[in-house]
Amino acid sequence: MRIVLVGPPGAGKGTQAAFLAKNLAIPHISTGDLFRANISQQTGLGKLAKSYMDKGELVPDEVTIAMAKDRMEQPDAENGFLLDGFPRNVSQAEALDEMLSTEGMKLDAVLDLEVPEDEVVRRIAGRRICRNDSAHVFHVSYKAPKQEGVCDVCGGELYQRDDDSEDTVRTRLEVYHTQTEPIIDYYKAQGLVVTIPALGKVEDVTARSMEALAREDA
């Protein structure tokens, strides 16, 4: 299956993508991973992307599209893939359609993880990270440390990242609404969108998604 996963920041896309890709035996293609891999391997596209990032500029769509195209042409993606973070806007969605059409392929489904905005803010703004080890992550509501501000694992100080503040989260949501959300209407016109309520346990959201995909594939 060829799937696009969309949803606001904090919807759990990365977590769901990993589970779904494993269940479907297809690669999880994340825009963030693509950028990190190309930059660390110093590919031509990676160097080009870094030149924009170093100047604090947005990486042009054509660079992102070229990275995604290169990854989707790898042997492990022959039977399908799950895209996470791409396409990010309608121009990228149109480019993806053109890429697939050229190869005689098309998307099978677009999974839209639906989470209320207040819940998104609660999820992200409540995160606290250990200064000693960023892998130690807590949450003021869902996974509170035994002692406020102190990591249960190593005793390090817990802090809130700047990009996790409520104001920043709401700015990120506004960017999502203006830039990425329009692709949902774009794909709805093609009859591809399946809306998945993304509240509740991770495994429950995965089960809903798998059931929806089974119906789409039937």
Protein backbone atom coordinates (compact mmCIF):
# COMPACT_ATOMS: atom_id res chain seq x y z
CA MET A 1 0.00 0.00 0.00
CA ARG A 2 1.04 3.58 -0.65
CA ILE A 3 -0.13 5.79 2.19
CA VAL A 4 0.21 9.40 3.28
CA LEU A 5 -0.15 10.16 6.99
CA VAL A 6 -1.31 13.64 7.96
CA GLY A 7 -2.34 15.38 11.16
CA PRO A 8 -1.42 18.35 13.33
CA PRO A 9 1.75 18.46 15.44
CA GLY A 10 1.21 16.35 18.55
CA ALA A 11 -1.20 13.97 16.82
CA GLY A 12 1.23 11.06 17.24
CA LYS A 13 2.13 10.68 13.56
CA GLY A 14 5.64 9.39 14.19
CA THR A 15 4.46 6.77 16.69
CA GLN A 16 1.59 5.62 14.50
CA ALA A 17 3.76 5.60 11.37
CA ALA A 18 6.24 3.23 12.99
CA PHE A 19 3.52 0.77 14.08
CA LEU A 20 1.60 0.94 10.81
CA ALA A 21 4.70 0.50 8.67
CA LYS A 22 5.69 -2.57 10.68
CA ASN A 23 2.19 -4.08 10.46
CA LEU A 24 1.99 -3.42 6.72
CA ALA A 25 5.62 -4.45 6.01
CA ILE A 26 6.36 -1.21 4.16
CA PRO A 27 9.01 1.44 4.89
CA HIS A 28 8.19 4.48 7.00
CA ILE A 29 9.51 7.47 5.05
CA SER A 30 9.83 10.51 7.30
CA THR A 31 10.81 13.93 5.97
CA GLY A 32 12.90 14.54 9.09
CA ASP A 33 14.78 11.28 8.61
CA LEU A 34 15.34 12.07 4.92
CA PHE A 35 16.90 15.43 5.75
CA ARG A 36 19.09 14.01 8.50
CA ALA A 37 20.27 11.11 6.31
CA ASN A 38 21.07 13.29 3.29
CA ILE A 39 22.87 15.89 5.40
CA SER A 40 24.90 13.35 7.41
CA GLN A 41 25.86 11.45 4.24
CA GLN A 42 26.70 14.75 2.52
CA THR A 43 24.72 13.91 -0.60
CA GLY A 44 24.25 16.61 -3.20
CA LEU A 45 20.69 17.16 -2.01
CA GLY A 46 21.84 17.17 1.61
CA LYS A 47 24.46 19.84 0.94
CA LEU A 48 21.90 21.91 -0.93
CA ALA A 49 19.34 21.61 1.88
CA LYS A 50 21.96 22.50 4.49
CA SER A 51 22.95 25.62 2.56
CA TYR A 52 19.42 26.94 3.01
CA MET A 53 19.10 25.77 6.61
CA ASP A 54 22.41 27.39 7.59
CA LYS A 55 21.02 30.72 6.39
CA GLY A 56 17.82 30.19 8.35
CA GLU A 57 15.81 29.82 5.15
CA LEU A 58 13.16 27.27 4.28
CA VAL A 59 14.34 24.42 2.08
CA PRO A 60 12.60 24.83 -1.32
CA ASP A 61 9.89 22.35 -2.26
CA GLU A 62 11.90 21.02 -5.19
CA VAL A 63 14.72 19.87 -2.87
CA THR A 64 12.29 18.10 -0.51
CA ILE A 65 10.49 16.53 -3.47
CA ALA A 66 13.78 15.29 -4.96
CA MET A 67 14.77 13.67 -1.63
CA ALA A 68 11.38 11.96 -1.34
CA LYS A 69 11.52 10.75 -4.94
CA ASP A 70 14.99 9.27 -4.43
CA ARG A 71 13.82 7.44 -1.28
CA MET A 72 10.64 6.09 -2.87
CA GLU A 73 12.70 4.63 -5.70
CA GLN A 74 14.68 2.41 -3.30
CA PRO A 75 14.03 -1.37 -3.57
CA ASP A 76 12.34 -1.66 -0.16
CA ALA A 77 9.61 0.76 -1.29
CA GLU A 78 8.72 -1.26 -4.38
CA ASN A 79 5.57 -2.68 -2.80
CA GLY A 80 4.52 0.46 -0.98
CA PHE A 81 5.48 3.05 1.61
CA LEU A 82 4.08 5.23 4.35
CA LEU A 83 4.88 8.94 3.98
CA ASP A 84 5.13 11.00 7.17
CA GLY A 85 5.73 14.75 6.78
CA PHE A 86 5.50 14.69 3.00
CA PRO A 87 3.67 16.13 1.19
CA ARG A 88 3.53 19.23 3.40
CA ASN A 89 1.56 21.47 1.05
CA VAL A 90 -0.60 21.22 -2.08
CA SER A 91 2.34 21.87 -4.42
CA GLN A 92 4.17 18.88 -2.95
CA ALA A 93 0.98 16.79 -3.16
CA GLU A 94 0.65 17.62 -6.84
CA ALA A 95 4.30 16.73 -7.39
CA LEU A 96 3.80 13.40 -5.61
CA ASP A 97 0.80 12.58 -7.80
CA GLU A 98 2.85 13.37 -10.90
CA MET A 99 5.76 11.20 -9.68
CA LEU A 100 3.50 8.23 -9.02
CA SER A 101 1.55 8.67 -12.24
CA THR A 102 4.77 8.60 -14.25
CA GLU A 103 5.46 5.15 -12.76
CA GLY A 104 1.87 3.97 -13.30
CA MET A 105 1.15 4.10 -9.58
CA LYS A 106 -1.17 6.00 -7.24
CA LEU A 107 -1.82 6.49 -3.56
CA ASP A 108 -4.12 4.01 -1.82
CA ALA A 109 -5.13 6.14 1.16
CA VAL A 110 -4.49 9.31 3.13
CA LEU A 111 -4.88 8.79 6.88
CA ASP A 112 -5.89 11.98 8.68
CA LEU A 113 -5.18 11.70 12.41
CA GLU A 114 -7.78 13.91 14.07
CA VAL A 115 -7.01 15.47 17.46
CA PRO A 116 -8.77 18.49 19.03
CA GLU A 117 -6.56 21.59 19.10
CA ASP A 118 -6.71 21.97 22.89
CA GLU A 119 -5.50 18.38 23.24
CA VAL A 120 -2.59 19.08 20.87
CA VAL A 121 -1.54 22.03 23.04
CA ARG A 122 -1.93 19.95 26.21
CA ARG A 123 0.17 17.11 24.78
CA ILE A 124 3.06 19.23 23.56
CA ALA A 125 3.14 22.04 26.14
CA GLY A 126 3.09 19.47 28.95
CA ARG A 127 6.27 17.70 27.83
CA ARG A 128 9.34 17.93 30.03
CA ILE A 129 12.79 16.76 28.91
CA CYS A 130 15.77 15.71 31.04
CA ARG A 131 18.80 17.99 30.58
CA ASN A 132 21.12 15.01 31.08
CA ASP A 133 19.47 12.73 28.52
CA SER A 134 16.85 13.90 26.01
CA ALA A 135 15.58 10.32 25.76
CA HIS A 136 14.11 10.74 29.25
CA VAL A 137 10.75 12.39 28.49
CA PHE A 138 7.97 13.10 30.97
CA HIS A 139 4.61 14.86 30.86
CA VAL A 140 2.97 16.95 33.55
CA SER A 141 -0.38 15.17 33.02
CA TYR A 142 0.24 11.80 31.38
CA LYS A 143 3.63 10.75 32.76
CA ALA A 144 4.45 12.98 35.68
CA PRO A 145 7.81 12.49 37.46
CA LYS A 146 7.72 11.37 41.06
CA GLN A 147 9.29 14.67 42.07
CA GLU A 148 8.34 17.78 40.12
CA GLY A 149 11.15 18.99 37.87
CA VAL A 150 13.39 15.98 38.55
CA CYS A 151 14.05 13.05 36.20
CA ASP A 152 13.02 9.69 37.69
CA VAL A 153 15.81 7.92 35.79
CA CYS A 154 18.94 9.94 36.56
CA GLY A 155 17.90 12.82 38.81
CA GLY A 156 18.59 15.42 36.13
CA GLU A 157 16.68 18.66 35.80
CA LEU A 158 13.51 18.51 33.70
CA TYR A 159 12.79 21.47 31.43
CA GLN A 160 10.37 22.59 28.75
CA ARG A 161 11.90 23.09 25.30
CA ASP A 162 11.33 26.52 23.75
CA ASP A 163 9.42 24.96 20.84
CA ASP A 164 7.11 23.18 23.30
CA SER A 165 5.77 26.40 24.87
CA GLU A 166 2.06 27.04 24.39
CA ASP A 167 2.63 30.14 22.23
CA THR A 168 5.01 28.23 19.95
CA VAL A 169 2.64 25.27 19.70
CA ARG A 170 -0.23 27.55 18.66
CA THR A 171 2.05 29.17 16.04
CA ARG A 172 2.94 25.69 14.72
CA LEU A 173 -0.77 24.85 14.57
CA GLU A 174 -1.45 28.00 12.57
CA VAL A 175 1.27 27.02 10.10
CA TYR A 176 -0.30 23.56 9.86
CA HIS A 177 -3.76 25.03 9.21
CA THR A 178 -2.53 27.38 6.48
CA GLN A 179 0.08 25.21 4.76
CA THR A 180 -0.62 21.52 5.34
CA GLU A 181 -4.33 21.19 6.11
CA PRO A 182 -5.32 22.20 2.54
CA ILE A 183 -3.88 18.90 1.27
CA ILE A 184 -6.72 17.13 3.10
CA ASP A 185 -9.26 18.85 0.85
CA TYR A 186 -7.00 18.14 -2.14
CA TYR A 187 -7.04 14.42 -1.37
CA LYS A 188 -10.72 14.39 -0.36
CA ALA A 189 -11.50 15.42 -3.93
CA GLN A 190 -9.78 12.17 -4.96
CA GLY A 191 -11.72 10.11 -2.42
CA LEU A 192 -8.56 9.09 -0.57
CA VAL A 193 -9.00 10.59 2.91
CA VAL A 194 -9.81 8.38 5.88
CA THR A 195 -10.23 10.30 9.15
CA ILE A 196 -8.96 8.46 12.22
CA PRO A 197 -9.88 9.68 15.74
CA ALA A 198 -6.45 9.82 17.37
CA LEU A 199 -7.44 10.11 21.03
CA GLY A 200 -6.86 7.17 23.36
CA LYS A 201 -4.23 4.48 23.66
CA VAL A 202 -1.59 4.18 20.93
CA GLU A 203 -2.59 0.60 20.16
CA ASP A 204 -6.26 1.59 19.84
CA VAL A 205 -5.43 4.30 17.30
CA THR A 206 -3.29 1.80 15.37
CA ALA A 207 -6.16 -0.71 15.38
CA ARG A 208 -8.59 1.91 14.04
CA SER A 209 -6.13 2.80 11.30
CA MET A 210 -5.54 -0.84 10.30
CA GLU A 211 -9.29 -1.51 10.19
CA ALA A 212 -9.83 1.57 7.99
CA LEU A 213 -7.04 0.53 5.64
CA ALA A 214 -8.47 -2.99 5.38
CA ARG A 215 -11.78 -1.48 4.27
CA GLU A 216 -10.01 0.72 1.73
CA ASP A 217 -8.10 -2.29 0.38
CA ALA A 218 -11.19 -4.51 0.19
